[in-house]
N, C-alpha and C. Protein backbone atom coordinates (compact mmCIF):
# COMPACT_ATOMS: atom_id res chain seq x y z
N MET A 1 0.75 -1.32 0.08
CA MET A 1 -0.18 0.00 -0.14
C MET A 1 0.92 1.32 0.12
N ARG A 2 0.90 1.97 -0.83
CA ARG A 2 1.56 3.30 -1.26
C ARG A 2 0.46 4.58 -0.85
N ILE A 3 1.08 5.18 0.15
CA ILE A 3 0.30 6.17 1.05
C ILE A 3 0.90 7.76 0.84
N ALA A 4 0.04 8.42 0.27
CA ALA A 4 0.43 10.07 0.24
C ALA A 4 -0.20 10.71 1.45
N GLY A 5 0.34 11.93 1.85
CA GLY A 5 -0.25 12.65 2.77
C GLY A 5 -0.77 13.84 2.67
N ILE A 6 -1.68 14.39 3.44
CA ILE A 6 -2.16 15.81 3.05
C ILE A 6 -2.60 16.27 4.54
N VAL A 7 -1.95 17.44 4.82
CA VAL A 7 -1.99 18.27 5.88
C VAL A 7 -3.04 19.28 5.71
N LEU A 8 -4.07 19.16 6.64
CA LEU A 8 -5.32 20.01 6.38
C LEU A 8 -5.29 21.39 7.25
N ALA A 9 -4.82 22.48 6.33
CA ALA A 9 -4.79 23.74 6.90
C ALA A 9 -5.73 24.86 5.99
N GLY A 10 -6.84 24.19 5.85
CA GLY A 10 -7.71 25.20 4.92
C GLY A 10 -8.80 25.94 5.50
N GLY A 11 -8.75 25.86 6.76
CA GLY A 11 -9.90 26.47 7.52
C GLY A 11 -9.63 27.93 7.77
N GLN A 12 -10.56 28.74 8.40
CA GLN A 12 -10.42 30.26 8.51
C GLN A 12 -9.81 30.73 10.04
N SER A 13 -9.72 29.38 10.77
CA SER A 13 -9.31 29.86 12.27
C SER A 13 -10.07 30.72 12.97
N ARG A 14 -11.38 30.79 12.95
CA ARG A 14 -12.24 32.04 13.41
C ARG A 14 -11.53 31.93 15.16
N ARG A 15 -11.83 30.54 15.78
CA ARG A 15 -11.67 30.84 17.03
C ARG A 15 -10.05 31.09 17.83
N MET A 16 -9.00 31.02 16.72
CA MET A 16 -7.94 31.47 17.15
C MET A 16 -7.40 33.10 16.70
N GLY A 17 -8.62 33.68 16.09
CA GLY A 17 -8.35 35.14 15.77
C GLY A 17 -8.28 35.31 14.16
N GLY A 18 -8.13 34.27 13.43
CA GLY A 18 -7.86 34.35 12.27
C GLY A 18 -6.47 34.11 11.79
N GLY A 19 -6.41 34.15 10.31
CA GLY A 19 -4.88 33.74 9.90
C GLY A 19 -4.77 32.52 9.83
N ASP A 20 -3.14 31.81 9.95
CA ASP A 20 -3.00 30.73 9.80
C ASP A 20 -2.50 30.06 11.16
N LYS A 21 -3.46 29.27 11.49
CA LYS A 21 -2.85 28.81 12.88
C LYS A 21 -1.56 28.01 12.75
N CYS A 22 -1.04 27.22 11.66
CA CYS A 22 -0.18 26.26 11.58
C CYS A 22 0.95 27.19 11.44
N LEU A 23 0.94 28.44 11.22
CA LEU A 23 2.28 29.40 11.16
C LEU A 23 2.43 30.10 12.57
N ARG A 24 1.42 29.64 13.71
CA ARG A 24 2.12 30.01 14.78
C ARG A 24 2.97 29.46 15.46
N LEU A 25 4.02 30.16 16.33
CA LEU A 25 5.24 29.50 16.74
C LEU A 25 4.99 28.53 18.05
N LEU A 26 5.47 27.16 17.96
CA LEU A 26 5.66 26.68 19.26
C LEU A 26 6.89 26.03 19.22
N ARG A 27 7.62 26.34 20.47
CA ARG A 27 9.28 26.11 20.67
C ARG A 27 10.17 26.77 19.55
N SER A 28 9.73 27.94 19.14
CA SER A 28 10.32 28.98 18.25
C SER A 28 10.22 28.47 16.87
N LYS A 29 9.44 27.39 16.51
CA LYS A 29 9.29 27.02 15.10
C LYS A 29 7.72 27.16 14.63
N PRO A 30 7.37 26.99 13.72
CA PRO A 30 5.85 27.30 13.18
C PRO A 30 5.44 25.81 13.71
N ILE A 31 4.22 25.73 14.13
CA ILE A 31 3.44 24.72 14.32
C ILE A 31 3.64 23.59 13.05
N LEU A 32 3.39 24.14 11.82
CA LEU A 32 3.65 23.40 10.69
C LEU A 32 4.83 22.47 10.55
N ALA A 33 5.99 23.35 11.00
CA ALA A 33 7.21 22.32 11.01
C ALA A 33 7.17 21.22 11.98
N HIS A 34 6.52 21.34 13.05
CA HIS A 34 6.28 20.17 13.69
C HIS A 34 5.64 18.91 13.02
N ILE A 35 4.59 19.23 12.49
CA ILE A 35 3.53 18.57 11.86
C ILE A 35 4.30 17.86 10.72
N VAL A 36 5.07 18.68 10.07
CA VAL A 36 5.94 18.09 8.72
C VAL A 36 6.95 17.00 9.10
N ALA A 37 7.64 17.68 10.50
CA ALA A 37 8.77 16.63 10.91
C ALA A 37 7.99 15.14 11.14
N ARG A 38 6.83 15.04 11.66
CA ARG A 38 6.44 14.01 12.02
C ARG A 38 5.59 13.16 11.05
N ALA A 39 4.93 13.97 10.19
CA ALA A 39 4.01 13.20 9.01
C ALA A 39 4.84 12.56 7.62
N ALA A 40 5.94 13.88 7.31
CA ALA A 40 6.65 13.19 6.20
C ALA A 40 7.19 11.85 6.01
N PRO A 41 7.82 11.38 7.21
CA PRO A 41 8.45 10.26 7.22
C PRO A 41 7.66 9.10 7.07
N GLN A 42 6.35 9.41 7.28
CA GLN A 42 5.11 8.19 7.31
C GLN A 42 4.60 8.19 5.97
N VAL A 43 4.79 8.74 4.81
CA VAL A 43 3.90 8.86 3.55
C VAL A 43 5.26 9.06 2.66
N VAL A 44 4.63 8.50 1.33
CA VAL A 44 5.57 8.59 0.26
C VAL A 44 5.73 10.09 -0.41
N ALA A 45 4.74 10.92 -0.32
CA ALA A 45 4.69 12.35 -0.52
C ALA A 45 3.78 13.07 0.37
N LEU A 46 4.05 14.14 0.47
CA LEU A 46 3.05 15.24 1.49
C LEU A 46 2.86 16.46 0.57
N ALA A 47 1.55 16.51 0.75
CA ALA A 47 1.15 18.01 0.37
C ALA A 47 0.39 19.02 1.61
N LEU A 48 0.08 20.38 1.39
CA LEU A 48 -0.37 21.18 2.27
C LEU A 48 -1.75 21.51 1.54
N ASN A 49 -2.84 21.31 2.42
CA ASN A 49 -4.30 21.89 1.81
C ASN A 49 -4.24 23.16 2.43
N ALA A 50 -4.33 24.29 1.82
CA ALA A 50 -4.55 25.54 2.10
C ALA A 50 -5.27 26.28 1.20
N ASN A 51 -6.12 27.58 1.50
CA ASN A 51 -6.42 28.75 0.63
C ASN A 51 -5.78 29.65 0.67
N GLY A 52 -6.06 30.47 -0.59
CA GLY A 52 -5.40 31.77 -0.67
C GLY A 52 -3.65 31.54 -1.16
N ALA A 53 -3.13 32.88 -0.84
CA ALA A 53 -1.98 32.96 -1.65
C ALA A 53 -0.91 31.56 -0.97
N ALA A 54 -0.50 30.88 -1.87
CA ALA A 54 0.38 29.71 -1.74
C ALA A 54 1.84 30.01 -0.95
N SER A 55 2.18 31.38 -1.47
CA SER A 55 3.51 31.82 -1.30
C SER A 55 3.80 31.80 0.43
N ARG A 56 3.00 31.92 1.01
CA ARG A 56 3.00 32.14 2.43
C ARG A 56 3.74 30.94 3.25
N PHE A 57 3.43 29.57 2.21
CA PHE A 57 4.10 28.45 2.93
C PHE A 57 5.39 28.24 2.00
N ALA A 58 5.91 29.04 1.27
CA ALA A 58 7.31 28.79 0.39
C ALA A 58 8.29 28.09 1.26
N GLY A 59 8.39 28.37 2.29
CA GLY A 59 9.35 27.71 3.23
C GLY A 59 9.52 26.35 3.47
N PHE A 60 8.24 25.90 3.42
CA PHE A 60 8.21 24.42 3.91
C PHE A 60 8.57 23.37 2.61
N GLY A 61 8.48 23.77 1.40
CA GLY A 61 9.05 22.97 0.27
C GLY A 61 7.77 21.87 0.01
N LEU A 62 6.52 22.23 0.40
CA LEU A 62 5.44 21.42 0.27
C LEU A 62 4.38 21.79 -1.16
N PRO A 63 3.97 21.08 -1.92
CA PRO A 63 2.84 21.50 -2.76
C PRO A 63 1.71 21.99 -2.07
N VAL A 64 0.80 23.07 -2.41
CA VAL A 64 -0.09 23.76 -1.81
C VAL A 64 -1.31 23.35 -2.61
N VAL A 65 -2.26 22.57 -2.28
CA VAL A 65 -3.60 22.21 -2.74
C VAL A 65 -4.67 22.93 -2.06
N GLY A 66 -5.43 23.86 -3.00
CA GLY A 66 -6.68 24.57 -2.38
C GLY A 66 -7.82 23.55 -2.38
N ASP A 67 -8.72 24.06 -1.95
CA ASP A 67 -10.23 23.54 -1.90
C ASP A 67 -10.72 23.58 -3.37
N SER A 68 -11.05 22.63 -3.90
CA SER A 68 -12.05 22.90 -5.28
C SER A 68 -13.37 23.06 -4.77
N VAL A 69 -14.07 22.86 -3.82
CA VAL A 69 -15.39 23.22 -2.97
C VAL A 69 -15.31 24.83 -2.75
N PRO A 70 -16.11 25.73 -3.09
CA PRO A 70 -15.98 26.89 -2.38
C PRO A 70 -16.66 27.01 -1.04
N ASP A 71 -16.16 28.51 -0.51
CA ASP A 71 -16.74 28.78 0.81
C ASP A 71 -16.38 27.76 1.85
N PHE A 72 -15.07 27.63 1.83
CA PHE A 72 -14.30 27.25 3.09
C PHE A 72 -15.37 25.68 3.81
N ALA A 73 -15.56 24.68 2.94
CA ALA A 73 -16.57 23.61 3.37
C ALA A 73 -16.09 22.60 4.37
N GLY A 74 -14.85 23.08 5.14
CA GLY A 74 -14.55 22.01 6.15
C GLY A 74 -13.67 21.10 5.65
N PRO A 75 -13.30 20.19 6.80
CA PRO A 75 -12.04 19.21 6.49
C PRO A 75 -12.54 18.18 5.35
N LEU A 76 -13.88 17.97 5.10
CA LEU A 76 -13.91 16.82 3.98
C LEU A 76 -13.69 17.57 2.50
N ALA A 77 -13.70 18.83 2.43
CA ALA A 77 -13.06 19.51 1.15
C ALA A 77 -11.71 19.45 1.23
N GLY A 78 -10.96 19.54 2.27
CA GLY A 78 -9.47 19.21 2.20
C GLY A 78 -9.09 18.03 2.16
N ILE A 79 -9.73 16.87 2.54
CA ILE A 79 -9.58 15.62 2.22
C ILE A 79 -9.81 15.23 0.73
N LEU A 80 -10.94 15.90 0.25
CA LEU A 80 -11.16 15.71 -1.42
C LEU A 80 -9.99 16.26 -2.14
N ALA A 81 -9.68 17.50 -1.62
CA ALA A 81 -8.40 18.22 -2.30
C ALA A 81 -7.17 17.26 -2.43
N GLY A 82 -7.00 16.76 -1.33
CA GLY A 82 -5.70 15.57 -1.05
C GLY A 82 -5.91 14.49 -1.95
N LEU A 83 -7.02 13.73 -1.97
CA LEU A 83 -7.61 12.79 -3.00
C LEU A 83 -7.40 13.07 -4.22
N ASP A 84 -7.60 14.21 -4.77
CA ASP A 84 -7.68 14.79 -6.08
C ASP A 84 -6.25 14.96 -6.47
N TRP A 85 -5.42 15.74 -5.74
CA TRP A 85 -4.02 15.63 -5.89
C TRP A 85 -3.41 14.65 -6.01
N ALA A 86 -3.57 13.50 -5.23
CA ALA A 86 -3.03 12.14 -5.40
C ALA A 86 -3.38 11.47 -6.65
N ALA A 87 -4.48 11.44 -7.03
CA ALA A 87 -4.86 10.92 -8.34
C ALA A 87 -4.26 11.37 -9.52
N ALA A 88 -3.92 12.62 -9.55
CA ALA A 88 -3.41 13.39 -10.36
C ALA A 88 -1.86 13.51 -10.55
N LEU A 89 -1.25 13.62 -9.55
CA LEU A 89 0.25 13.44 -9.04
C LEU A 89 0.95 12.71 -8.72
N GLN A 90 0.28 11.69 -7.87
CA GLN A 90 0.94 10.60 -7.10
C GLN A 90 0.09 9.14 -7.47
N PRO A 91 0.11 8.97 -8.79
CA PRO A 91 -1.19 7.92 -9.21
C PRO A 91 -0.65 6.41 -8.71
N ALA A 92 0.48 6.23 -8.14
CA ALA A 92 1.07 5.20 -7.55
C ALA A 92 0.22 4.94 -6.05
N CYS A 93 0.07 5.86 -5.62
CA CYS A 93 -0.71 5.84 -4.18
C CYS A 93 -1.99 5.43 -4.24
N SER A 94 -2.54 4.52 -3.52
CA SER A 94 -3.94 3.97 -3.59
C SER A 94 -4.66 4.78 -2.46
N HIS A 95 -3.99 5.43 -1.39
CA HIS A 95 -4.54 6.00 -0.26
C HIS A 95 -3.96 7.24 0.16
N VAL A 96 -4.48 8.09 0.73
CA VAL A 96 -4.13 9.44 1.39
C VAL A 96 -4.54 9.56 2.83
N ALA A 97 -3.48 9.76 3.41
CA ALA A 97 -3.50 9.84 5.22
C ALA A 97 -3.63 11.29 5.35
N SER A 98 -4.56 11.71 6.11
CA SER A 98 -5.00 13.27 6.55
C SER A 98 -4.32 13.37 8.15
N PHE A 99 -3.77 14.82 8.33
CA PHE A 99 -3.09 15.19 9.31
C PHE A 99 -3.79 16.63 9.60
N ALA A 100 -4.21 16.68 10.62
CA ALA A 100 -4.83 18.21 11.21
C ALA A 100 -3.62 19.09 11.11
N GLY A 101 -3.85 20.50 10.66
CA GLY A 101 -2.73 21.43 10.52
C GLY A 101 -2.74 22.39 11.91
N ASP A 102 -3.33 21.77 12.72
CA ASP A 102 -3.14 22.27 14.22
C ASP A 102 -2.80 21.39 15.43
N ALA A 103 -2.25 20.23 15.03
CA ALA A 103 -2.05 19.41 16.05
C ALA A 103 -0.42 18.60 15.89
N PRO A 104 0.34 19.27 16.65
CA PRO A 104 1.90 19.18 16.60
C PRO A 104 2.74 17.95 17.28
N PHE A 105 1.56 17.44 17.77
CA PHE A 105 2.26 15.93 18.32
C PHE A 105 1.55 14.73 17.88
N LEU A 106 1.27 14.45 16.62
CA LEU A 106 0.73 13.57 15.93
C LEU A 106 1.91 12.22 16.32
N PRO A 107 1.28 11.13 16.40
CA PRO A 107 1.98 9.80 16.69
C PRO A 107 2.89 9.30 15.36
N PRO A 108 4.29 9.03 15.57
CA PRO A 108 5.20 8.62 14.43
C PRO A 108 4.66 7.26 14.03
N ASP A 109 3.81 6.66 14.51
CA ASP A 109 3.51 5.39 13.91
C ASP A 109 1.88 5.56 13.22
N LEU A 110 1.32 6.79 13.14
CA LEU A 110 -0.13 6.72 12.88
C LEU A 110 -0.22 6.16 11.78
N VAL A 111 0.34 6.54 10.53
CA VAL A 111 -0.02 5.91 9.27
C VAL A 111 -0.05 4.45 9.35
N ALA A 112 0.92 3.70 9.96
CA ALA A 112 1.42 2.43 9.70
C ALA A 112 0.37 1.68 10.59
N ARG A 113 -0.18 1.96 11.82
CA ARG A 113 -1.32 1.52 12.42
C ARG A 113 -2.62 1.47 11.72
N LEU A 114 -2.95 2.84 10.97
CA LEU A 114 -4.39 3.09 10.12
C LEU A 114 -4.27 2.09 9.23
N ALA A 115 -3.10 1.73 8.28
CA ALA A 115 -2.83 0.75 7.24
C ALA A 115 -3.07 -0.62 7.79
N GLN A 116 -2.83 -0.91 8.99
CA GLN A 116 -2.93 -2.26 9.53
C GLN A 116 -4.61 -2.44 9.61
N ALA A 117 -5.31 -1.48 10.04
CA ALA A 117 -6.76 -1.58 10.22
C ALA A 117 -7.30 -1.83 9.08
N LEU A 118 -6.88 -1.30 7.76
CA LEU A 118 -7.19 -1.30 6.22
C LEU A 118 -7.09 -2.65 5.98
N ALA A 119 -5.81 -3.23 6.33
CA ALA A 119 -5.57 -4.56 5.87
C ALA A 119 -6.16 -5.74 6.78
N ALA A 120 -7.05 -5.48 7.70
CA ALA A 120 -7.87 -6.27 8.31
C ALA A 120 -9.30 -6.33 7.55
N GLY A 121 -9.67 -5.55 6.73
CA GLY A 121 -10.78 -5.38 6.07
C GLY A 121 -11.60 -4.23 6.22
N HIS A 122 -11.35 -3.22 6.56
CA HIS A 122 -12.00 -2.00 7.01
C HIS A 122 -11.86 -1.02 5.81
N GLU A 123 -12.78 -0.28 5.19
CA GLU A 123 -12.84 0.45 4.06
C GLU A 123 -11.98 1.84 4.43
N LEU A 124 -12.41 2.32 5.90
CA LEU A 124 -11.62 3.65 6.34
C LEU A 124 -10.89 3.16 7.50
N ALA A 125 -10.13 4.18 8.07
CA ALA A 125 -9.43 4.12 9.32
C ALA A 125 -9.26 5.43 9.94
N ALA A 126 -9.48 5.83 11.12
CA ALA A 126 -9.18 6.91 11.65
C ALA A 126 -8.94 6.65 13.34
N ALA A 127 -8.24 7.74 13.62
CA ALA A 127 -7.61 7.77 15.06
C ALA A 127 -8.49 7.99 16.37
N ARG A 128 -8.29 7.27 17.35
CA ARG A 128 -9.02 7.79 18.62
C ARG A 128 -8.04 7.63 19.73
N SER A 129 -8.26 8.44 20.79
CA SER A 129 -7.42 8.30 22.23
C SER A 129 -8.59 8.91 23.08
N GLU A 130 -8.46 8.23 24.21
CA GLU A 130 -9.22 8.17 25.40
C GLU A 130 -10.84 8.30 25.10
N GLY A 131 -11.01 7.40 24.26
CA GLY A 131 -12.44 7.27 23.76
C GLY A 131 -13.04 8.29 22.73
N GLN A 132 -11.94 9.31 22.55
CA GLN A 132 -12.71 10.21 21.38
C GLN A 132 -12.13 10.11 19.91
N ALA A 133 -13.11 10.16 19.10
CA ALA A 133 -12.58 9.88 17.89
C ALA A 133 -11.95 11.21 17.21
N HIS A 134 -10.92 11.08 16.20
CA HIS A 134 -10.09 12.38 15.64
C HIS A 134 -10.38 11.89 14.29
N PRO A 135 -11.60 12.27 13.55
CA PRO A 135 -11.79 11.70 12.26
C PRO A 135 -10.82 12.36 10.99
N VAL A 136 -10.10 13.60 11.68
CA VAL A 136 -9.55 14.26 10.48
C VAL A 136 -8.12 13.50 10.33
N PHE A 137 -7.85 12.71 11.26
CA PHE A 137 -6.36 12.02 11.37
C PHE A 137 -7.00 10.85 10.92
N GLY A 138 -6.95 10.37 9.24
CA GLY A 138 -7.62 9.37 8.81
C GLY A 138 -6.85 8.97 7.56
N LEU A 139 -7.24 7.52 6.99
CA LEU A 139 -6.77 7.14 6.01
C LEU A 139 -7.58 6.62 5.07
N TRP A 140 -7.67 7.26 3.69
CA TRP A 140 -8.80 7.38 2.71
C TRP A 140 -8.29 7.02 1.18
N PRO A 141 -9.08 5.99 0.91
CA PRO A 141 -8.91 5.26 -0.44
C PRO A 141 -8.96 6.49 -1.67
N VAL A 142 -8.14 6.71 -2.25
CA VAL A 142 -8.16 7.64 -3.70
C VAL A 142 -9.45 7.05 -4.39
N ALA A 143 -9.94 5.72 -4.29
CA ALA A 143 -10.90 5.54 -5.53
C ALA A 143 -12.39 5.78 -4.80
N LEU A 144 -12.36 6.43 -3.56
CA LEU A 144 -13.79 7.12 -2.98
C LEU A 144 -13.79 8.37 -3.25
N ARG A 145 -12.79 9.11 -4.02
CA ARG A 145 -13.06 10.57 -4.22
C ARG A 145 -14.30 10.93 -5.06
N GLY A 146 -14.80 10.15 -6.07
CA GLY A 146 -15.89 10.51 -6.64
C GLY A 146 -17.26 10.29 -5.72
N ASP A 147 -17.29 9.76 -4.76
CA ASP A 147 -18.34 9.43 -3.72
C ASP A 147 -18.49 10.56 -2.85
N LEU A 148 -17.08 10.85 -2.48
CA LEU A 148 -16.64 12.14 -1.57
C LEU A 148 -17.15 13.48 -2.07
N ARG A 149 -16.66 13.59 -3.41
CA ARG A 149 -17.06 14.72 -4.34
C ARG A 149 -18.61 14.81 -4.27
N ARG A 150 -19.47 13.80 -4.58
CA ARG A 150 -20.93 13.77 -4.40
C ARG A 150 -21.57 14.15 -3.04
N ALA A 151 -20.66 13.70 -2.13
CA ALA A 151 -21.28 14.00 -0.66
C ALA A 151 -21.26 15.46 -0.41
N VAL A 152 -20.01 15.93 -0.92
CA VAL A 152 -19.75 17.34 -0.36
C VAL A 152 -20.55 18.48 -1.28
N THR A 153 -20.61 18.17 -2.48
CA THR A 153 -20.96 19.12 -3.38
C THR A 153 -22.78 19.05 -3.71
N GLN A 154 -23.07 17.92 -3.69
CA GLN A 154 -24.40 17.39 -3.91
C GLN A 154 -25.33 17.17 -2.76
N GLU A 155 -24.62 16.77 -1.82
CA GLU A 155 -25.65 16.36 -0.60
C GLU A 155 -25.36 17.17 0.55
N GLY A 156 -24.20 18.19 0.46
CA GLY A 156 -24.08 18.91 1.52
C GLY A 156 -23.77 18.63 2.95
N VAL A 157 -22.98 17.52 2.54
CA VAL A 157 -22.35 16.85 3.77
C VAL A 157 -21.04 17.59 4.27
N ARG A 158 -21.25 18.13 5.51
CA ARG A 158 -19.72 18.67 6.06
C ARG A 158 -18.92 18.10 6.95
N LYS A 159 -19.75 17.35 8.12
CA LYS A 159 -19.28 16.71 9.26
C LYS A 159 -18.45 15.40 8.67
N VAL A 160 -17.00 14.87 8.69
CA VAL A 160 -16.35 13.88 8.78
C VAL A 160 -17.27 12.64 8.92
N ASP A 161 -17.57 12.77 10.41
CA ASP A 161 -18.09 11.28 10.85
C ASP A 161 -19.50 11.15 10.14
N ARG A 162 -20.37 11.96 9.88
CA ARG A 162 -21.50 11.54 9.04
C ARG A 162 -20.99 10.96 7.66
N TRP A 163 -20.03 11.35 7.03
CA TRP A 163 -19.67 10.47 5.90
C TRP A 163 -18.99 9.22 6.20
N THR A 164 -18.01 9.07 7.09
CA THR A 164 -17.43 7.81 7.21
C THR A 164 -18.34 6.85 7.91
N ALA A 165 -19.60 7.13 8.43
CA ALA A 165 -20.67 6.40 8.94
C ALA A 165 -21.22 5.53 7.76
N CYS A 166 -20.92 5.79 6.44
CA CYS A 166 -21.47 5.25 5.22
C CYS A 166 -20.48 3.90 4.89
N TYR A 167 -19.56 3.82 5.61
CA TYR A 167 -18.36 2.99 5.21
C TYR A 167 -18.12 2.13 6.59
N ARG A 168 -17.29 1.03 6.31
CA ARG A 168 -16.75 0.11 7.45
C ARG A 168 -15.39 0.82 7.80
N LEU A 169 -15.72 1.62 9.26
CA LEU A 169 -14.60 2.45 9.62
C LEU A 169 -14.29 1.73 10.75
N ALA A 170 -12.78 1.82 10.88
CA ALA A 170 -11.87 1.24 12.08
C ALA A 170 -11.67 2.37 12.60
N LEU A 171 -11.76 2.53 14.11
CA LEU A 171 -11.13 3.44 14.92
C LEU A 171 -10.03 3.01 15.66
N VAL A 172 -8.73 3.35 15.54
CA VAL A 172 -7.65 2.77 16.01
C VAL A 172 -7.25 3.40 17.40
N ASP A 173 -7.02 2.93 18.49
CA ASP A 173 -6.74 3.73 19.82
C ASP A 173 -5.12 3.98 19.60
N PHE A 174 -4.99 5.14 20.29
CA PHE A 174 -3.49 5.61 20.76
C PHE A 174 -3.49 5.95 21.93
N PRO A 175 -2.43 5.86 22.59
CA PRO A 175 -2.29 6.03 23.96
C PRO A 175 -2.08 7.68 24.31
N ALA A 176 -2.56 8.08 25.25
CA ALA A 176 -2.70 9.59 25.75
C ALA A 176 -1.84 10.02 26.72
N ILE A 177 -0.76 9.17 26.76
CA ILE A 177 0.34 9.16 27.79
C ILE A 177 1.94 9.27 27.22
N PRO A 178 2.62 10.44 27.29
CA PRO A 178 2.67 11.18 28.27
C PRO A 178 1.92 12.64 27.97
N VAL A 179 1.47 12.87 26.64
CA VAL A 179 0.49 13.56 26.31
C VAL A 179 -0.33 12.91 25.20
N ASP A 180 -1.66 13.57 25.16
CA ASP A 180 -2.52 13.19 23.89
C ASP A 180 -1.84 13.39 22.55
N PRO A 181 -1.76 12.68 21.74
CA PRO A 181 -1.03 13.10 20.51
C PRO A 181 -1.73 13.72 19.54
N PHE A 182 -3.07 13.89 19.85
CA PHE A 182 -4.04 14.54 19.13
C PHE A 182 -4.41 16.13 19.49
N PHE A 183 -4.00 16.19 20.51
CA PHE A 183 -4.15 17.81 21.00
C PHE A 183 -4.11 18.92 20.09
N ASN A 184 -4.85 19.49 19.91
CA ASN A 184 -4.99 20.41 19.09
C ASN A 184 -5.16 21.88 19.14
N LEU A 185 -4.73 22.91 18.77
CA LEU A 185 -4.77 24.11 18.93
C LEU A 185 -5.98 25.14 18.36
N ASN A 186 -7.18 25.49 19.27
CA ASN A 186 -8.18 26.25 18.67
C ASN A 186 -8.42 27.46 19.24
N HIS A 187 -7.79 27.67 20.34
CA HIS A 187 -7.83 29.12 20.89
C HIS A 187 -6.52 29.80 21.21
N PRO A 188 -6.11 30.99 21.24
CA PRO A 188 -4.97 31.64 21.57
C PRO A 188 -4.33 30.70 22.99
N GLU A 189 -4.99 30.71 23.78
CA GLU A 189 -4.61 30.33 25.17
C GLU A 189 -4.18 28.85 25.04
N ASP A 190 -4.42 28.25 23.98
CA ASP A 190 -3.95 26.76 23.86
C ASP A 190 -2.18 26.76 23.31
N LEU A 191 -1.91 28.00 22.89
CA LEU A 191 -0.56 28.05 22.60
C LEU A 191 0.59 27.57 23.77
N ALA A 192 -0.29 28.13 25.01
CA ALA A 192 0.36 28.03 26.41
C ALA A 192 0.89 26.71 26.50
N GLU A 193 -0.62 26.11 26.41
CA GLU A 193 -0.74 24.52 26.73
C GLU A 193 0.24 23.90 25.96
N ALA A 194 0.28 24.01 24.92
CA ALA A 194 1.33 23.12 23.70
C ALA A 194 2.49 23.31 24.13
N GLU A 195 3.05 24.59 24.64
CA GLU A 195 4.38 24.69 24.92
C GLU A 195 4.79 23.98 26.14
N ARG A 196 3.73 23.63 27.27
CA ARG A 196 3.82 22.73 28.39
C ARG A 196 3.97 21.28 27.92
N LEU A 197 2.99 21.04 27.24
CA LEU A 197 2.93 19.64 26.64
C LEU A 197 4.37 19.44 25.87
N ALA A 198 4.83 20.03 24.92
CA ALA A 198 5.93 19.84 24.28
C ALA A 198 7.28 19.70 25.36
N GLU A 199 7.10 20.59 26.36
CA GLU A 199 8.14 20.28 27.55
C GLU A 199 8.12 19.01 28.24
N THR A 200 6.67 18.53 28.34
CA THR A 200 6.58 17.12 29.06
C THR A 200 7.08 16.08 28.41
N LEU A 201 6.86 16.07 26.68
CA LEU A 201 7.28 15.26 25.77
C LEU A 201 8.77 14.89 25.84
N GLU A 202 9.55 16.41 25.77
CA GLU A 202 10.78 16.51 25.85
C GLU A 202 11.44 15.66 27.04
N ALA A 203 10.89 16.02 28.38
CA ALA A 203 11.24 15.36 29.32
C ALA A 203 10.87 13.81 29.64
N SER A 204 9.93 13.35 28.67
CA SER A 204 9.66 12.00 28.73
C SER A 204 10.71 11.41 27.85
N PHE A 205 11.24 11.88 26.83
CA PHE A 205 12.26 11.49 26.01
C PHE A 205 13.76 11.40 26.70
N ALA A 206 14.07 12.50 27.55
CA ALA A 206 15.36 12.47 28.12
C ALA A 206 15.11 11.45 29.08
N GLY A 207 14.27 11.02 29.77
CA GLY A 207 14.17 10.04 30.76
C GLY A 207 14.48 8.68 30.35
N GLY A 208 14.14 8.48 29.03
CA GLY A 208 14.27 7.08 28.47
C GLY A 208 12.70 6.54 28.28
């Protein structure tokens, strides 16, 4: 199974006060840099889903793919953009893994474990921690992009879990110790918590 990846950063970040959340600094580096460092080794190619001028991401060396669905239609539009990008430019890839653009601590074995779930007979796979599903961290067959386009453009589907309910979905559990790997930043005050969590992770690595 050859898997491409898409980082979802196409939202408007209203709760964060607007702008690109993924460009906020964490440990003196953009959040996106932390995500790319963890996500890129897990996939054969990685792209960024973002809308507007691509030049603001020039320093990351990623292809930038905008939504084909207008009016900021949510994460499903970003996943669709990733599937279309893979179909056109990564034709050897049968699946696309999606990563939230505001979650800097994602697991280094995320894609491998989601792929194991698909190998067991599921159509889709998504992450879960402490009983909470995180459907934007998912693994999606490129072959379903036509179905997803119909759901988003014709049926008005916006919630990821509403679409995944139509398929055999595996929820793969990840430990939340020492930190929840799917912690994401929604509000300005979450930056301080992310700094604290980053220190906790560093301390756990230093302690073996």
